[in-house]
Amino acid sequence: MGSLAADETSSSNDAMNEPTQPDDVLQHHHKKNGHPHLPDPTILDLIHCQETQAINAKSHNSGVKAKKVKSAKPKEPTEGPKPTQLGWYPPWWKTFLEEAKAECHAQHAIENAFLDSVKDLPLSVTEALMTSLVEWLEAGNEVEVGIWPDHKANMAKLVNLSTWRSDLKKIAISIMPSMYNLIPSAEVPPQAHTAWVENAAAELLDKSLFLCNSVDELWITNNAAHPALQAATITFFYTGSYHITHRRPDIFKQELPLQSLALVCTVYNCVFDGLVKNGSGKYFLKFTTKDYSAVYLTMVAELKNVLKDAYHGPRLTQ
């Protein structure tokens, strides 16, 4: 993801006084900074301000009645959905936010799935929103007036990663009992099932054995190769409802990004932590940035070390 590119040669006041059309602004931005970079917030605000003016000008010049753009009426704080919920937004914005949310998920799946909710998330998501909004308007789509930029911060909270990570945790929970042999045998008394699961989970969690798939033909441990990792990866990234691989086919068709594998490893760490504390499986820990960002970063570092290994590196990318 690119960084915000501010134009220091002109002021926002001068820009607002010029009768610049949205397309001209975008062409100027792309010519100056290139497509991968994010637009200056002032430019994006200008696109918003000019949207209605452009429609009115077209109507005046052609004599054809312009398509009506509804102004969104803010709802009372105590009534119905809030601006941090998708249901609060009018139709065009709702459609756009669904698209932006999916794009944000795909981007962070290959970058960093554990952004700091206070420091990093608003900025990162705002960048994604601005990029998506520019592309949305360039494609000829519209959005209702009276929303941007006043509710930009609320949109940043709406387009979050917490539900996304929670859905991955549900997948891991459904997979792990059978794939990790965590179902007590008939020889284990019913009253001892909980303790048995807790002990089994603790053994797998110790030294991250849950990531390994026994040993190979040389009796060397297969690191980060447990079938449960592959099962969760396929379900969440490739065949699941988020369609992450469809948004980055050039990346996922070749190999699973290291950050994505680290995310799957981390979610299993979270689920095993929960089983160690409560073997009944009725309660699991929350898969939050606060609790698992450090674990995720450790997983990323460990996987990078595996990639550097002359023996394990090539096997990890097979």
C-alpha atoms as a PDB file:
ATOM      1  CA  MET A   1       0.000   0.000   0.000  1.00  0.00           C
ATOM      2  CA  GLY A   2       1.355   3.373  -0.934  1.00  0.00           C
ATOM      3  CA  SER A   3       1.793   6.386   1.278  1.00  0.00           C
ATOM      4  CA  LEU A   4      -0.120   9.627   1.178  1.00  0.00           C
ATOM      5  CA  ALA A   5       1.414  12.035  -1.310  1.00  0.00           C
ATOM      6  CA  ALA A   6       0.939  15.665  -0.337  1.00  0.00           C
ATOM      7  CA  ASP A   7       1.373  18.385  -2.959  1.00  0.00           C
ATOM      8  CA  GLU A   8       3.433  21.048  -1.194  1.00  0.00           C
ATOM      9  CA  THR A   9       3.537  23.407  -4.185  1.00  0.00           C
ATOM     10  CA  SER A  10      -0.057  24.557  -3.913  1.00  0.00           C
ATOM     11  CA  SER A  11      -2.429  25.318  -1.065  1.00  0.00           C
ATOM     12  CA  SER A  12      -5.832  23.793  -0.464  1.00  0.00           C
ATOM     13  CA  ASN A  13      -7.424  27.260  -0.736  1.00  0.00           C
ATOM     14  CA  ASP A  14      -6.025  27.799  -4.230  1.00  0.00           C
ATOM     15  CA  ALA A  15      -7.229  24.348  -5.260  1.00  0.00           C
ATOM     16  CA  MET A  16     -10.757  25.037  -4.076  1.00  0.00           C
ATOM     17  CA  ASN A  17     -10.904  28.341  -5.996  1.00  0.00           C
ATOM     18  CA  GLU A  18     -10.052  26.683  -9.325  1.00  0.00           C
ATOM     19  CA  PRO A  19     -13.036  25.326 -11.331  1.00  0.00           C
ATOM     20  CA  THR A  20     -11.260  21.991 -11.730  1.00  0.00           C
ATOM     21  CA  GLN A  21     -13.240  18.941 -12.790  1.00  0.00           C
ATOM     22  CA  PRO A  22     -12.837  15.649 -10.871  1.00  0.00           C
ATOM     23  CA  ASP A  23     -11.333  13.837 -13.873  1.00  0.00           C
ATOM     24  CA  ASP A  24      -8.746  16.590 -14.310  1.00  0.00           C
ATOM     25  CA  VAL A  25      -7.750  16.275 -10.668  1.00  0.00           C
ATOM     26  CA  LEU A  26      -7.310  12.510 -10.980  1.00  0.00           C
ATOM     27  CA  GLN A  27      -5.327  12.783 -14.219  1.00  0.00           C
ATOM     28  CA  HIS A  28      -3.044  15.380 -12.647  1.00  0.00           C
ATOM     29  CA  HIS A  29      -2.548  13.197  -9.580  1.00  0.00           C
ATOM     30  CA  HIS A  30      -1.783  10.066 -11.605  1.00  0.00           C
ATOM     31  CA  LYS A  31       0.625  11.959 -13.883  1.00  0.00           C
ATOM     32  CA  LYS A  32       2.484  13.402 -10.889  1.00  0.00           C
ATOM     33  CA  ASN A  33       2.496  10.435  -8.474  1.00  0.00           C
ATOM     34  CA  GLY A  34       1.624   7.306 -10.438  1.00  0.00           C
ATOM     35  CA  HIS A  35      -1.334   4.982  -9.896  1.00  0.00           C
ATOM     36  CA  PRO A  36       0.004   3.008  -6.888  1.00  0.00           C
ATOM     37  CA  HIS A  37       0.153   6.109  -4.683  1.00  0.00           C
ATOM     38  CA  LEU A  38      -2.713   7.361  -2.584  1.00  0.00           C
ATOM     39  CA  PRO A  39      -4.248  10.757  -3.373  1.00  0.00           C
ATOM     40  CA  ASP A  40      -3.823  13.924  -1.377  1.00  0.00           C
ATOM     41  CA  PRO A  41      -6.826  14.155   1.000  1.00  0.00           C
ATOM     42  CA  THR A  42      -7.420  17.680  -0.298  1.00  0.00           C
ATOM     43  CA  ILE A  43      -7.777  16.305  -3.809  1.00  0.00           C
ATOM     44  CA  LEU A  44     -10.242  13.671  -2.669  1.00  0.00           C
ATOM     45  CA  ASP A  45     -12.268  16.276  -0.796  1.00  0.00           C
ATOM     46  CA  LEU A  46     -12.249  18.339  -3.975  1.00  0.00           C
ATOM     47  CA  ILE A  47     -13.668  15.386  -5.883  1.00  0.00           C
ATOM     48  CA  HIS A  48     -16.496  15.251  -3.367  1.00  0.00           C
ATOM     49  CA  CYS A  49     -17.144  18.993  -3.532  1.00  0.00           C
ATOM     50  CA  GLN A  50     -17.077  19.053  -7.320  1.00  0.00           C
ATOM     51  CA  GLU A  51     -19.357  16.062  -7.767  1.00  0.00           C
ATOM     52  CA  THR A  52     -22.609  17.970  -7.415  1.00  0.00           C
ATOM     53  CA  GLN A  53     -21.243  20.949  -9.372  1.00  0.00           C
ATOM     54  CA  ALA A  54     -20.309  18.704 -12.287  1.00  0.00           C
ATOM     55  CA  ILE A  55     -23.776  17.139 -12.377  1.00  0.00           C
ATOM     56  CA  ASN A  56     -25.485  20.527 -12.255  1.00  0.00           C
ATOM     57  CA  ALA A  57     -23.225  21.924 -14.968  1.00  0.00           C
ATOM     58  CA  LYS A  58     -23.993  18.990 -17.247  1.00  0.00           C
ATOM     59  CA  SER A  59     -27.714  19.464 -16.663  1.00  0.00           C
ATOM     60  CA  HIS A  60     -27.513  23.195 -17.418  1.00  0.00           C
ATOM     61  CA  ASN A  61     -25.513  22.749 -20.623  1.00  0.00           C
ATOM     62  CA  SER A  62     -27.485  19.857 -22.055  1.00  0.00           C
ATOM     63  CA  GLY A  63     -30.939  20.828 -20.898  1.00  0.00           C
ATOM     64  CA  VAL A  64     -31.426  17.325 -19.573  1.00  0.00           C
ATOM     65  CA  LYS A  65     -32.512  16.871 -16.005  1.00  0.00           C
ATOM     66  CA  ALA A  66     -29.643  15.543 -13.900  1.00  0.00           C
ATOM     67  CA  LYS A  67     -29.997  12.339 -11.997  1.00  0.00           C
ATOM     68  CA  LYS A  68     -31.028  13.216  -8.511  1.00  0.00           C
ATOM     69  CA  VAL A  69     -28.451  12.627  -5.817  1.00  0.00           C
ATOM     70  CA  LYS A  70     -30.063  12.191  -2.461  1.00  0.00           C
ATOM     71  CA  SER A  71     -28.630  13.939   0.535  1.00  0.00           C
ATOM     72  CA  ALA A  72     -28.273  11.585   3.437  1.00  0.00           C
ATOM     73  CA  LYS A  73     -30.166  12.683   6.514  1.00  0.00           C
ATOM     74  CA  PRO A  74     -28.262  12.009   9.709  1.00  0.00           C
ATOM     75  CA  LYS A  75     -30.210   9.892  12.144  1.00  0.00           C
ATOM     76  CA  GLU A  76     -30.608  10.597  15.789  1.00  0.00           C
ATOM     77  CA  PRO A  77     -27.865   8.954  17.872  1.00  0.00           C
ATOM     78  CA  THR A  78     -30.445   6.945  19.820  1.00  0.00           C
ATOM     79  CA  GLU A  79     -32.403   5.740  16.775  1.00  0.00           C
ATOM     80  CA  GLY A  80     -31.479   2.859  14.511  1.00  0.00           C
ATOM     81  CA  PRO A  81     -27.977   2.102  13.246  1.00  0.00           C
ATOM     82  CA  LYS A  82     -25.014   4.338  14.008  1.00  0.00           C
ATOM     83  CA  PRO A  83     -22.523   5.841  11.507  1.00  0.00           C
ATOM     84  CA  THR A  84     -20.110   3.098  12.545  1.00  0.00           C
ATOM     85  CA  GLN A  85     -22.597   0.516  11.214  1.00  0.00           C
ATOM     86  CA  LEU A  86     -23.248  -0.277   7.561  1.00  0.00           C
ATOM     87  CA  GLY A  87     -27.022   0.020   7.937  1.00  0.00           C
ATOM     88  CA  TRP A  88     -26.730   3.761   8.652  1.00  0.00           C
ATOM     89  CA  TYR A  89     -25.490   4.579   5.154  1.00  0.00           C
ATOM     90  CA  PRO A  90     -27.624   5.270   2.059  1.00  0.00           C
ATOM     91  CA  PRO A  91     -27.567   2.760  -0.851  1.00  0.00           C
ATOM     92  CA  TRP A  92     -24.622   3.997  -2.938  1.00  0.00           C
ATOM     93  CA  TRP A  93     -22.385   4.506   0.069  1.00  0.00           C
ATOM     94  CA  LYS A  94     -23.391   1.112   1.441  1.00  0.00           C
ATOM     95  CA  THR A  95     -22.394  -0.582  -1.812  1.00  0.00           C
ATOM     96  CA  PHE A  96     -19.119   1.312  -1.907  1.00  0.00           C
ATOM     97  CA  LEU A  97     -18.272   0.475   1.716  1.00  0.00           C
ATOM     98  CA  GLU A  98     -18.862  -3.227   1.108  1.00  0.00           C
ATOM     99  CA  GLU A  99     -16.390  -3.028  -1.768  1.00  0.00           C
ATOM    100  CA  ALA A 100     -13.882  -1.007   0.273  1.00  0.00           C
ATOM    101  CA  LYS A 101     -14.184  -3.418   3.179  1.00  0.00           C
ATOM    102  CA  ALA A 102     -13.387  -6.397   0.963  1.00  0.00           C
ATOM    103  CA  GLU A 103     -10.433  -4.562  -0.563  1.00  0.00           C
ATOM    104  CA  CYS A 104      -9.115  -3.656   2.884  1.00  0.00           C
ATOM    105  CA  HIS A 105      -9.311  -7.282   4.013  1.00  0.00           C
ATOM    106  CA  ALA A 106      -7.416  -8.477   0.955  1.00  0.00           C
ATOM    107  CA  GLN A 107      -4.693  -5.884   1.370  1.00  0.00           C
ATOM    108  CA  HIS A 108      -4.094  -6.574   5.043  1.00  0.00           C
ATOM    109  CA  ALA A 109      -4.093 -10.327   4.470  1.00  0.00           C
ATOM    110  CA  ILE A 110      -0.816  -9.872   2.614  1.00  0.00           C
ATOM    111  CA  GLU A 111       0.554  -7.007   4.724  1.00  0.00           C
ATOM    112  CA  ASN A 112      -0.405  -6.924   8.393  1.00  0.00           C
ATOM    113  CA  ALA A 113      -3.565  -8.459   9.802  1.00  0.00           C
ATOM    114  CA  PHE A 114      -2.998  -6.979  13.259  1.00  0.00           C
ATOM    115  CA  LEU A 115      -3.015  -3.220  13.000  1.00  0.00           C
ATOM    116  CA  ASP A 116      -3.025  -1.186  16.199  1.00  0.00           C
ATOM    117  CA  SER A 117      -6.650  -0.117  16.645  1.00  0.00           C
ATOM    118  CA  VAL A 118      -5.643   3.249  18.056  1.00  0.00           C
ATOM    119  CA  LYS A 119      -2.544   4.220  16.108  1.00  0.00           C
ATOM    120  CA  ASP A 120      -2.467   2.363  12.779  1.00  0.00           C
ATOM    121  CA  LEU A 121      -6.018   1.353  11.911  1.00  0.00           C
ATOM    122  CA  PRO A 122      -7.661   4.746  11.265  1.00  0.00           C
ATOM    123  CA  LEU A 123      -4.800   5.927   9.040  1.00  0.00           C
ATOM    124  CA  SER A 124      -4.416   2.646   7.177  1.00  0.00           C
ATOM    125  CA  VAL A 125      -8.134   2.207   6.561  1.00  0.00           C
ATOM    126  CA  THR A 126      -8.547   5.872   5.631  1.00  0.00           C
ATOM    127  CA  GLU A 127      -5.844   5.378   3.007  1.00  0.00           C
ATOM    128  CA  ALA A 128      -7.679   2.329   1.678  1.00  0.00           C
ATOM    129  CA  LEU A 129     -10.968   4.231   1.679  1.00  0.00           C
ATOM    130  CA  MET A 130      -9.515   7.136  -0.280  1.00  0.00           C
ATOM    131  CA  THR A 131      -7.907   4.846  -2.827  1.00  0.00           C
ATOM    132  CA  SER A 132     -11.108   2.842  -3.254  1.00  0.00           C
ATOM    133  CA  LEU A 133     -13.245   5.980  -3.493  1.00  0.00           C
ATOM    134  CA  VAL A 134     -11.081   7.434  -6.260  1.00  0.00           C
ATOM    135  CA  GLU A 135     -11.346   4.168  -8.208  1.00  0.00           C
ATOM    136  CA  TRP A 136     -15.074   4.009  -7.512  1.00  0.00           C
ATOM    137  CA  LEU A 137     -15.702   7.487  -8.915  1.00  0.00           C
ATOM    138  CA  GLU A 138     -13.333   6.921 -11.835  1.00  0.00           C
ATOM    139  CA  ALA A 139     -15.406   3.890 -12.814  1.00  0.00           C
ATOM    140  CA  GLY A 140     -18.458   6.134 -13.172  1.00  0.00           C
ATOM    141  CA  ASN A 141     -20.129   5.172  -9.906  1.00  0.00           C
ATOM    142  CA  GLU A 142     -21.739   7.696  -7.595  1.00  0.00           C
ATOM    143  CA  VAL A 143     -22.167   8.304  -3.887  1.00  0.00           C
ATOM    144  CA  GLU A 144     -24.692  10.390  -1.985  1.00  0.00           C
ATOM    145  CA  VAL A 145     -23.624  13.871  -0.876  1.00  0.00           C
ATOM    146  CA  GLY A 146     -23.400  14.925   2.755  1.00  0.00           C
ATOM    147  CA  ILE A 147     -21.385  11.915   3.950  1.00  0.00           C
ATOM    148  CA  TRP A 148     -17.727  12.448   2.969  1.00  0.00           C
ATOM    149  CA  PRO A 149     -15.531  13.669   4.564  1.00  0.00           C
ATOM    150  CA  ASP A 150     -17.629  14.233   7.715  1.00  0.00           C
ATOM    151  CA  HIS A 151     -17.959  10.505   8.427  1.00  0.00           C
ATOM    152  CA  LYS A 152     -14.531   9.421   7.245  1.00  0.00           C
ATOM    153  CA  ALA A 153     -13.526   8.438  10.797  1.00  0.00           C
ATOM    154  CA  ASN A 154     -16.729   6.430  11.268  1.00  0.00           C
ATOM    155  CA  MET A 155     -16.060   4.599   8.011  1.00  0.00           C
ATOM    156  CA  ALA A 156     -12.572   3.739   9.252  1.00  0.00           C
ATOM    157  CA  LYS A 157     -14.153   2.049  12.277  1.00  0.00           C
ATOM    158  CA  LEU A 158     -16.707   0.295  10.075  1.00  0.00           C
ATOM    159  CA  VAL A 159     -14.127  -1.107   7.677  1.00  0.00           C
ATOM    160  CA  ASN A 160     -12.326  -3.014  10.429  1.00  0.00           C
ATOM    161  CA  LEU A 161     -10.573  -6.332  10.711  1.00  0.00           C
ATOM    162  CA  SER A 162     -12.013  -7.687  13.962  1.00  0.00           C
ATOM    163  CA  THR A 163     -15.005  -9.533  12.448  1.00  0.00           C
ATOM    164  CA  TRP A 164     -12.768 -10.787   9.665  1.00  0.00           C
ATOM    165  CA  ARG A 165     -10.333 -12.325  12.147  1.00  0.00           C
ATOM    166  CA  SER A 166     -13.198 -13.689  14.232  1.00  0.00           C
ATOM    167  CA  ASP A 167     -14.513 -15.596  11.210  1.00  0.00           C
ATOM    168  CA  LEU A 168     -11.080 -17.135  10.699  1.00  0.00           C
ATOM    169  CA  LYS A 169     -11.106 -18.247  14.338  1.00  0.00           C
ATOM    170  CA  LYS A 170     -14.462 -19.984  13.818  1.00  0.00           C
ATOM    171  CA  ILE A 171     -12.954 -21.910  10.917  1.00  0.00           C
ATOM    172  CA  ALA A 172      -9.987 -23.009  13.036  1.00  0.00           C
ATOM    173  CA  ILE A 173     -12.285 -24.083  15.886  1.00  0.00           C
ATOM    174  CA  SER A 174     -14.337 -26.261  13.528  1.00  0.00           C
ATOM    175  CA  ILE A 175     -11.246 -27.896  12.008  1.00  0.00           C
ATOM    176  CA  MET A 176      -8.987 -28.581  14.969  1.00  0.00           C
ATOM    177  CA  PRO A 177     -10.829 -31.331  16.966  1.00  0.00           C
ATOM    178  CA  SER A 178     -10.558 -33.921  14.192  1.00  0.00           C
ATOM    179  CA  MET A 179      -7.304 -32.807  12.573  1.00  0.00           C
ATOM    180  CA  TYR A 180      -5.446 -32.601  15.887  1.00  0.00           C
ATOM    181  CA  ASN A 181      -7.065 -35.703  17.410  1.00  0.00           C
ATOM    182  CA  LEU A 182      -8.589 -33.716  20.249  1.00  0.00           C
ATOM    183  CA  ILE A 183     -11.651 -35.935  20.573  1.00  0.00           C
ATOM    184  CA  PRO A 184     -11.307 -38.183  23.666  1.00  0.00           C
ATOM    185  CA  SER A 185     -11.478 -41.911  23.012  1.00  0.00           C
ATOM    186  CA  ALA A 186     -14.059 -44.201  24.558  1.00  0.00           C
ATOM    187  CA  GLU A 187     -11.541 -45.222  27.207  1.00  0.00           C
ATOM    188  CA  VAL A 188     -11.586 -41.725  28.692  1.00  0.00           C
ATOM    189  CA  PRO A 189     -14.417 -41.316  31.250  1.00  0.00           C
ATOM    190  CA  PRO A 190     -16.873 -38.491  30.394  1.00  0.00           C
ATOM    191  CA  GLN A 191     -16.007 -36.626  33.582  1.00  0.00           C
ATOM    192  CA  ALA A 192     -12.347 -36.577  32.494  1.00  0.00           C
ATOM    193  CA  HIS A 193     -12.930 -35.291  28.947  1.00  0.00           C
ATOM    194  CA  THR A 194     -12.271 -31.649  29.773  1.00  0.00           C
ATOM    195  CA  ALA A 195      -9.000 -32.335  31.560  1.00  0.00           C
ATOM    196  CA  TRP A 196      -7.910 -34.704  28.785  1.00  0.00           C
ATOM    197  CA  VAL A 197      -8.459 -32.032  26.102  1.00  0.00           C
ATOM    198  CA  GLU A 198      -6.675 -29.404  28.181  1.00  0.00           C
ATOM    199  CA  ASN A 199      -3.622 -31.647  28.583  1.00  0.00           C
ATOM    200  CA  ALA A 200      -3.574 -32.605  24.906  1.00  0.00           C
ATOM    201  CA  ALA A 201      -3.845 -28.949  23.870  1.00  0.00           C
ATOM    202  CA  ALA A 202      -1.040 -27.965  26.240  1.00  0.00           C
ATOM    203  CA  GLU A 203       1.264 -30.590  24.710  1.00  0.00           C
ATOM    204  CA  LEU A 204       0.563 -29.337  21.179  1.00  0.00           C
ATOM    205  CA  LEU A 205       0.998 -25.730  22.229  1.00  0.00           C
ATOM    206  CA  ASP A 206       4.355 -26.462  23.849  1.00  0.00           C
ATOM    207  CA  LYS A 207       7.172 -25.492  21.474  1.00  0.00           C
ATOM    208  CA  SER A 208       4.507 -24.799  18.800  1.00  0.00           C
ATOM    209  CA  LEU A 209       4.126 -28.490  17.968  1.00  0.00           C
ATOM    210  CA  PHE A 210       0.683 -27.707  16.529  1.00  0.00           C
ATOM    211  CA  LEU A 211       2.455 -26.148  13.533  1.00  0.00           C
ATOM    212  CA  CYS A 212       4.482 -29.251  12.682  1.00  0.00           C
ATOM    213  CA  ASN A 213       3.515 -32.305  10.657  1.00  0.00           C
ATOM    214  CA  SER A 214       5.550 -35.105  12.255  1.00  0.00           C
ATOM    215  CA  VAL A 215       8.827 -35.832  10.414  1.00  0.00           C
ATOM    216  CA  ASP A 216       9.906 -36.421   6.837  1.00  0.00           C
ATOM    217  CA  GLU A 217      11.786 -39.359   5.308  1.00  0.00           C
ATOM    218  CA  LEU A 218      15.001 -38.069   6.889  1.00  0.00           C
ATOM    219  CA  TRP A 219      13.354 -37.840  10.301  1.00  0.00           C
ATOM    220  CA  ILE A 220      13.486 -34.066  10.149  1.00  0.00           C
ATOM    221  CA  THR A 221      10.481 -32.143  11.482  1.00  0.00           C
ATOM    222  CA  ASN A 222       8.180 -30.652   8.861  1.00  0.00           C
ATOM    223  CA  ASN A 223       7.882 -27.070  10.086  1.00  0.00           C
ATOM    224  CA  ALA A 224       4.678 -25.055   9.522  1.00  0.00           C
ATOM    225  CA  ALA A 225       3.266 -27.958   7.531  1.00  0.00           C
ATOM    226  CA  HIS A 226       0.414 -29.372   9.605  1.00  0.00           C
ATOM    227  CA  PRO A 227      -2.624 -30.274   7.434  1.00  0.00           C
ATOM    228  CA  ALA A 228      -4.843 -28.144   9.678  1.00  0.00           C
ATOM    229  CA  LEU A 229      -2.979 -25.043   8.488  1.00  0.00           C
ATOM    230  CA  GLN A 230      -3.704 -25.927   4.886  1.00  0.00           C
ATOM    231  CA  ALA A 231      -7.364 -26.682   5.624  1.00  0.00           C
ATOM    232  CA  ALA A 232      -7.959 -23.315   7.292  1.00  0.00           C
ATOM    233  CA  THR A 233      -6.002 -21.530   4.564  1.00  0.00           C
ATOM    234  CA  ILE A 234      -8.069 -23.020   1.748  1.00  0.00           C
ATOM    235  CA  THR A 235     -11.373 -22.378   3.510  1.00  0.00           C
ATOM    236  CA  PHE A 236     -10.629 -18.795   4.527  1.00  0.00           C
ATOM    237  CA  PHE A 237      -8.499 -17.401   1.707  1.00  0.00           C
ATOM    238  CA  TYR A 238      -9.453 -19.471  -1.331  1.00  0.00           C
ATOM    239  CA  THR A 239     -13.023 -20.744  -1.043  1.00  0.00           C
ATOM    240  CA  GLY A 240     -14.568 -18.622   1.714  1.00  0.00           C
ATOM    241  CA  SER A 241     -17.039 -15.767   1.483  1.00  0.00           C
ATOM    242  CA  TYR A 242     -14.357 -13.066   1.634  1.00  0.00           C
ATOM    243  CA  HIS A 243     -12.977 -14.054  -1.805  1.00  0.00           C
ATOM    244  CA  ILE A 244      -9.535 -12.776  -0.867  1.00  0.00           C
ATOM    245  CA  THR A 245      -7.698 -14.738  -3.539  1.00  0.00           C
ATOM    246  CA  HIS A 246     -10.035 -13.380  -6.214  1.00  0.00           C
ATOM    247  CA  ARG A 247      -8.816  -9.878  -5.406  1.00  0.00           C
ATOM    248  CA  ARG A 248      -5.126 -10.764  -5.523  1.00  0.00           C
ATOM    249  CA  PRO A 249      -4.947 -13.673  -8.008  1.00  0.00           C
ATOM    250  CA  ASP A 250      -1.476 -12.681  -9.177  1.00  0.00           C
ATOM    251  CA  ILE A 251      -0.192 -13.270  -5.640  1.00  0.00           C
ATOM    252  CA  PHE A 252      -2.219 -16.219  -4.375  1.00  0.00           C
ATOM    253  CA  LYS A 253      -2.070 -18.329  -7.538  1.00  0.00           C
ATOM    254  CA  GLN A 254       1.680 -18.720  -7.074  1.00  0.00           C
ATOM    255  CA  GLU A 255       1.987 -19.210  -3.324  1.00  0.00           C
ATOM    256  CA  LEU A 256       0.426 -18.264  -0.015  1.00  0.00           C
ATOM    257  CA  PRO A 257       1.911 -14.973   1.232  1.00  0.00           C
ATOM    258  CA  LEU A 258       4.017 -15.407   4.342  1.00  0.00           C
ATOM    259  CA  GLN A 259       1.868 -12.911   6.269  1.00  0.00           C
ATOM    260  CA  SER A 260      -1.250 -14.919   5.440  1.00  0.00           C
ATOM    261  CA  LEU A 261       0.333 -18.140   6.673  1.00  0.00           C
ATOM    262  CA  ALA A 262       1.442 -16.335   9.833  1.00  0.00           C
ATOM    263  CA  LEU A 263      -2.166 -15.254  10.409  1.00  0.00           C
ATOM    264  CA  VAL A 264      -3.388 -18.855  10.188  1.00  0.00           C
ATOM    265  CA  CYS A 265      -0.629 -20.018  12.543  1.00  0.00           C
ATOM    266  CA  THR A 266      -1.598 -17.278  14.996  1.00  0.00           C
ATOM    267  CA  VAL A 267      -5.293 -18.115  15.002  1.00  0.00           C
ATOM    268  CA  TYR A 268      -4.507 -21.729  15.928  1.00  0.00           C
ATOM    269  CA  ASN A 269      -2.275 -20.429  18.713  1.00  0.00           C
ATOM    270  CA  CYS A 270      -5.278 -18.459  19.984  1.00  0.00           C
ATOM    271  CA  VAL A 271      -7.614 -21.456  19.836  1.00  0.00           C
ATOM    272  CA  PHE A 272      -5.126 -23.712  21.618  1.00  0.00           C
ATOM    273  CA  ASP A 273      -4.688 -21.061  24.307  1.00  0.00           C
ATOM    274  CA  GLY A 274      -8.434 -21.230  24.815  1.00  0.00           C
ATOM    275  CA  LEU A 275      -8.516 -25.015  25.062  1.00  0.00           C
ATOM    276  CA  VAL A 276      -5.722 -25.042  27.621  1.00  0.00           C
ATOM    277  CA  LYS A 277      -7.823 -22.758  29.828  1.00  0.00           C
ATOM    278  CA  ASN A 278     -11.149 -24.427  29.084  1.00  0.00           C
ATOM    279  CA  GLY A 279     -11.044 -27.889  27.552  1.00  0.00           C
ATOM    280  CA  SER A 280     -14.821 -28.077  27.218  1.00  0.00           C
ATOM    281  CA  GLY A 281     -14.640 -25.886  24.121  1.00  0.00           C
ATOM    282  CA  LYS A 282     -17.502 -23.726  25.344  1.00  0.00           C
ATOM    283  CA  TYR A 283     -15.318 -20.646  25.635  1.00  0.00           C
ATOM    284  CA  PHE A 284     -12.455 -19.378  23.493  1.00  0.00           C
ATOM    285  CA  LEU A 285     -10.230 -16.355  23.838  1.00  0.00           C
ATOM    286  CA  LYS A 286     -10.829 -13.297  21.687  1.00  0.00           C
ATOM    287  CA  PHE A 287      -8.591 -13.042  18.646  1.00  0.00           C
ATOM    288  CA  THR A 288      -7.728  -9.382  19.169  1.00  0.00           C
ATOM    289  CA  THR A 289      -4.873  -7.081  18.240  1.00  0.00           C
ATOM    290  CA  LYS A 290      -4.159  -6.425  21.904  1.00  0.00           C
ATOM    291  CA  ASP A 291      -3.682 -10.098  22.731  1.00  0.00           C
ATOM    292  CA  TYR A 292      -2.265 -11.565  19.526  1.00  0.00           C
ATOM    293  CA  SER A 293      -0.447  -8.875  17.576  1.00  0.00           C
ATOM    294  CA  ALA A 294       2.840  -9.819  19.266  1.00  0.00           C
ATOM    295  CA  VAL A 295       2.235 -13.516  18.572  1.00  0.00           C
ATOM    296  CA  TYR A 296       1.522 -12.726  14.927  1.00  0.00           C
ATOM    297  CA  LEU A 297       4.727 -10.720  14.541  1.00  0.00           C
ATOM    298  CA  THR A 298       6.654 -13.564  16.164  1.00  0.00           C
ATOM    299  CA  MET A 299       5.106 -16.004  13.697  1.00  0.00           C
ATOM    300  CA  VAL A 300       6.122 -13.764  10.796  1.00  0.00           C
ATOM    301  CA  ALA A 301       9.692 -13.621  12.094  1.00  0.00           C
ATOM    302  CA  GLU A 302       9.850 -17.395  12.633  1.00  0.00           C
ATOM    303  CA  LEU A 303       8.528 -18.117   9.149  1.00  0.00           C
ATOM    304  CA  LYS A 304      11.108 -15.778   7.658  1.00  0.00           C
ATOM    305  CA  ASN A 305      13.784 -17.746   9.487  1.00  0.00           C
ATOM    306  CA  VAL A 306      12.381 -20.979   8.074  1.00  0.00           C
ATOM    307  CA  LEU A 307      12.516 -19.519   4.564  1.00  0.00           C
ATOM    308  CA  LYS A 308      16.195 -18.707   5.034  1.00  0.00           C
ATOM    309  CA  ASP A 309      17.002 -22.275   6.032  1.00  0.00           C
ATOM    310  CA  ALA A 310      18.680 -24.247   3.247  1.00  0.00           C
ATOM    311  CA  TYR A 311      16.618 -27.365   3.968  1.00  0.00           C
ATOM    312  CA  HIS A 312      13.290 -26.123   5.336  1.00  0.00           C
ATOM    313  CA  GLY A 313      12.965 -23.013   3.154  1.00  0.00           C
ATOM    314  CA  PRO A 314      12.312 -24.799  -0.162  1.00  0.00           C
ATOM    315  CA  ARG A 315       9.950 -27.256   1.545  1.00  0.00           C
ATOM    316  CA  LEU A 316       7.871 -24.438   3.008  1.00  0.00           C
ATOM    317  CA  THR A 317       7.246 -22.940  -0.430  1.00  0.00           C
ATOM    318  CA  GLN A 318       6.334 -26.236  -2.097  1.00  0.00           C
END
